[in-house]
Amino acid sequence: MLRKTMLIGLIVALGACATADEVRTKPPVFTGKTALPTSEYAGCVQQGWQDAGADAITSIPTKDGVTLTLRGIAGYDLLLDNRSGAVSMYARLPYGYAKFVDVARRCL
């Protein structure tokens, strides 16, 4: 019985994880433009997010730029897309991301 309950709990928890596409359905919490090379801007943001306390950051190369992801226990908490210098940042939750937006803005 305990195993069955744990399995059901795990399935429910995994089903509630936010995917990158789901996070991108919300309006961006920050947009901007950068003239920096993609790798330089992404490196600045990644280091700044680490300095702000984030530890689950992933950099994913894309066809025309890079996506930085910050994972939480319920899937992706933050996404930052840099597409040929156009920066868009999305958040899963409506709060708790201001210090990460500040980093993205400072790195522009």
C-alpha atoms as a PDB file:
ATOM      1  CA  MET A   1       0.000   0.000   0.000  1.00  0.00           C
ATOM      2  CA  LEU A   2       2.804   2.415   0.880  1.00  0.00           C
ATOM      3  CA  ARG A   3       4.547   1.707  -2.432  1.00  0.00           C
ATOM      4  CA  LYS A   4       1.353   2.362  -4.354  1.00  0.00           C
ATOM      5  CA  THR A   5       0.836   5.676  -2.536  1.00  0.00           C
ATOM      6  CA  MET A   6       4.434   6.712  -3.196  1.00  0.00           C
ATOM      7  CA  LEU A   7       4.119   5.808  -6.866  1.00  0.00           C
ATOM      8  CA  ILE A   8       0.933   7.845  -7.237  1.00  0.00           C
ATOM      9  CA  GLY A   9       2.599  10.783  -5.475  1.00  0.00           C
ATOM     10  CA  LEU A  10       5.588  10.579  -7.794  1.00  0.00           C
ATOM     11  CA  ILE A  11       3.394  10.491 -10.890  1.00  0.00           C
ATOM     12  CA  VAL A  12       1.429  13.519  -9.699  1.00  0.00           C
ATOM     13  CA  ALA A  13       4.630  15.417  -8.866  1.00  0.00           C
ATOM     14  CA  LEU A  14       6.220  14.694 -12.221  1.00  0.00           C
ATOM     15  CA  GLY A  15       3.053  15.610 -14.041  1.00  0.00           C
ATOM     16  CA  ALA A  16       3.136  19.050 -12.438  1.00  0.00           C
ATOM     17  CA  CYS A  17       6.653  19.890 -13.678  1.00  0.00           C
ATOM     18  CA  ALA A  18       6.810  22.932 -15.914  1.00  0.00           C
ATOM     19  CA  THR A  19       8.352  22.425 -19.331  1.00  0.00           C
ATOM     20  CA  ALA A  20      10.236  25.111 -21.218  1.00  0.00           C
ATOM     21  CA  ASP A  21       7.383  25.513 -23.695  1.00  0.00           C
ATOM     22  CA  GLU A  22       4.870  25.927 -20.853  1.00  0.00           C
ATOM     23  CA  VAL A  23       6.977  28.638 -19.228  1.00  0.00           C
ATOM     24  CA  ARG A  24       7.249  30.460 -22.579  1.00  0.00           C
ATOM     25  CA  THR A  25       3.443  30.668 -22.866  1.00  0.00           C
ATOM     26  CA  LYS A  26       3.486  33.408 -20.217  1.00  0.00           C
ATOM     27  CA  PRO A  27       4.421  36.991 -21.097  1.00  0.00           C
ATOM     28  CA  PRO A  28       8.147  37.684 -20.700  1.00  0.00           C
ATOM     29  CA  VAL A  29       9.189  39.253 -17.404  1.00  0.00           C
ATOM     30  CA  PHE A  30      12.091  41.001 -19.161  1.00  0.00           C
ATOM     31  CA  THR A  31      13.079  41.839 -22.712  1.00  0.00           C
ATOM     32  CA  GLY A  32      16.103  43.664 -24.045  1.00  0.00           C
ATOM     33  CA  LYS A  33      18.742  43.904 -26.748  1.00  0.00           C
ATOM     34  CA  THR A  34      22.438  43.186 -26.449  1.00  0.00           C
ATOM     35  CA  ALA A  35      25.312  43.877 -28.791  1.00  0.00           C
ATOM     36  CA  LEU A  36      27.531  41.402 -26.954  1.00  0.00           C
ATOM     37  CA  PRO A  37      28.414  38.096 -28.583  1.00  0.00           C
ATOM     38  CA  THR A  38      25.962  35.383 -27.555  1.00  0.00           C
ATOM     39  CA  SER A  39      28.512  33.406 -25.535  1.00  0.00           C
ATOM     40  CA  GLU A  40      29.736  36.506 -23.679  1.00  0.00           C
ATOM     41  CA  TYR A  41      26.223  37.622 -22.693  1.00  0.00           C
ATOM     42  CA  ALA A  42      25.208  34.093 -21.662  1.00  0.00           C
ATOM     43  CA  GLY A  43      28.388  33.722 -19.616  1.00  0.00           C
ATOM     44  CA  CYS A  44      27.759  37.008 -17.815  1.00  0.00           C
ATOM     45  CA  VAL A  45      24.165  36.053 -16.976  1.00  0.00           C
ATOM     46  CA  GLN A  46      25.105  32.530 -15.916  1.00  0.00           C
ATOM     47  CA  GLN A  47      27.830  33.807 -13.566  1.00  0.00           C
ATOM     48  CA  GLY A  48      25.494  36.462 -12.169  1.00  0.00           C
ATOM     49  CA  TRP A  49      22.747  33.925 -11.518  1.00  0.00           C
ATOM     50  CA  GLN A  50      25.255  31.678  -9.736  1.00  0.00           C
ATOM     51  CA  ASP A  51      26.417  34.634  -7.630  1.00  0.00           C
ATOM     52  CA  ALA A  52      22.732  35.298  -6.799  1.00  0.00           C
ATOM     53  CA  GLY A  53      22.358  31.773  -5.414  1.00  0.00           C
ATOM     54  CA  ALA A  54      21.208  29.689  -8.368  1.00  0.00           C
ATOM     55  CA  ASP A  55      22.871  26.336  -8.831  1.00  0.00           C
ATOM     56  CA  ALA A  56      20.846  24.442 -11.455  1.00  0.00           C
ATOM     57  CA  ILE A  57      21.648  26.549 -14.527  1.00  0.00           C
ATOM     58  CA  THR A  58      21.952  24.995 -17.959  1.00  0.00           C
ATOM     59  CA  SER A  59      23.104  26.648 -21.172  1.00  0.00           C
ATOM     60  CA  ILE A  60      21.501  25.186 -24.288  1.00  0.00           C
ATOM     61  CA  PRO A  61      22.808  26.260 -27.712  1.00  0.00           C
ATOM     62  CA  THR A  62      20.062  26.970 -30.252  1.00  0.00           C
ATOM     63  CA  LYS A  63      20.063  27.593 -33.987  1.00  0.00           C
ATOM     64  CA  ASP A  64      20.320  31.353 -33.584  1.00  0.00           C
ATOM     65  CA  GLY A  65      21.563  31.858 -30.032  1.00  0.00           C
ATOM     66  CA  VAL A  66      21.364  30.276 -26.613  1.00  0.00           C
ATOM     67  CA  THR A  67      18.808  29.492 -23.915  1.00  0.00           C
ATOM     68  CA  LEU A  68      19.696  29.584 -20.234  1.00  0.00           C
ATOM     69  CA  THR A  69      17.462  27.567 -17.947  1.00  0.00           C
ATOM     70  CA  LEU A  70      17.146  27.615 -14.189  1.00  0.00           C
ATOM     71  CA  ARG A  71      15.490  24.484 -12.850  1.00  0.00           C
ATOM     72  CA  GLY A  72      13.584  24.223  -9.622  1.00  0.00           C
ATOM     73  CA  ILE A  73      11.911  21.266  -7.957  1.00  0.00           C
ATOM     74  CA  ALA A  74       8.832  21.672 -10.161  1.00  0.00           C
ATOM     75  CA  GLY A  75      10.546  22.023 -13.535  1.00  0.00           C
ATOM     76  CA  TYR A  76      11.878  25.155 -15.167  1.00  0.00           C
ATOM     77  CA  ASP A  77      11.634  28.250 -12.975  1.00  0.00           C
ATOM     78  CA  LEU A  78      13.341  30.700 -15.358  1.00  0.00           C
ATOM     79  CA  LEU A  79      14.253  30.743 -19.037  1.00  0.00           C
ATOM     80  CA  LEU A  80      16.348  33.316 -20.803  1.00  0.00           C
ATOM     81  CA  ASP A  81      16.418  33.224 -24.601  1.00  0.00           C
ATOM     82  CA  ASN A  82      19.084  35.175 -26.488  1.00  0.00           C
ATOM     83  CA  ARG A  83      18.210  35.059 -30.181  1.00  0.00           C
ATOM     84  CA  SER A  84      20.662  37.072 -32.256  1.00  0.00           C
ATOM     85  CA  GLY A  85      20.877  39.730 -29.525  1.00  0.00           C
ATOM     86  CA  ALA A  86      17.146  39.856 -28.727  1.00  0.00           C
ATOM     87  CA  VAL A  87      16.777  38.804 -25.087  1.00  0.00           C
ATOM     88  CA  SER A  88      13.546  37.469 -23.560  1.00  0.00           C
ATOM     89  CA  MET A  89      13.221  36.109 -20.041  1.00  0.00           C
ATOM     90  CA  TYR A  90      10.296  34.044 -18.774  1.00  0.00           C
ATOM     91  CA  ALA A  91       9.358  32.986 -15.237  1.00  0.00           C
ATOM     92  CA  ARG A  92       7.141  30.149 -14.065  1.00  0.00           C
ATOM     93  CA  LEU A  93       6.124  31.913 -10.843  1.00  0.00           C
ATOM     94  CA  PRO A  94       4.801  35.476 -10.506  1.00  0.00           C
ATOM     95  CA  TYR A  95       7.395  36.348  -7.822  1.00  0.00           C
ATOM     96  CA  GLY A  96      10.951  35.671  -6.683  1.00  0.00           C
ATOM     97  CA  TYR A  97      12.821  36.395  -9.893  1.00  0.00           C
ATOM     98  CA  ALA A  98      13.702  40.117  -9.558  1.00  0.00           C
ATOM     99  CA  LYS A  99      17.367  39.522  -8.688  1.00  0.00           C
ATOM    100  CA  PHE A 100      17.748  37.343 -11.795  1.00  0.00           C
ATOM    101  CA  VAL A 101      16.142  39.993 -14.011  1.00  0.00           C
ATOM    102  CA  ASP A 102      18.546  42.551 -12.533  1.00  0.00           C
ATOM    103  CA  VAL A 103      21.481  40.350 -13.567  1.00  0.00           C
ATOM    104  CA  ALA A 104      20.139  39.944 -17.116  1.00  0.00           C
ATOM    105  CA  ARG A 105      19.659  43.721 -17.362  1.00  0.00           C
ATOM    106  CA  ARG A 106      23.150  44.529 -16.010  1.00  0.00           C
ATOM    107  CA  CYS A 107      24.793  42.151 -18.491  1.00  0.00           C
ATOM    108  CA  LEU A 108      23.217  43.859 -21.516  1.00  0.00           C
END
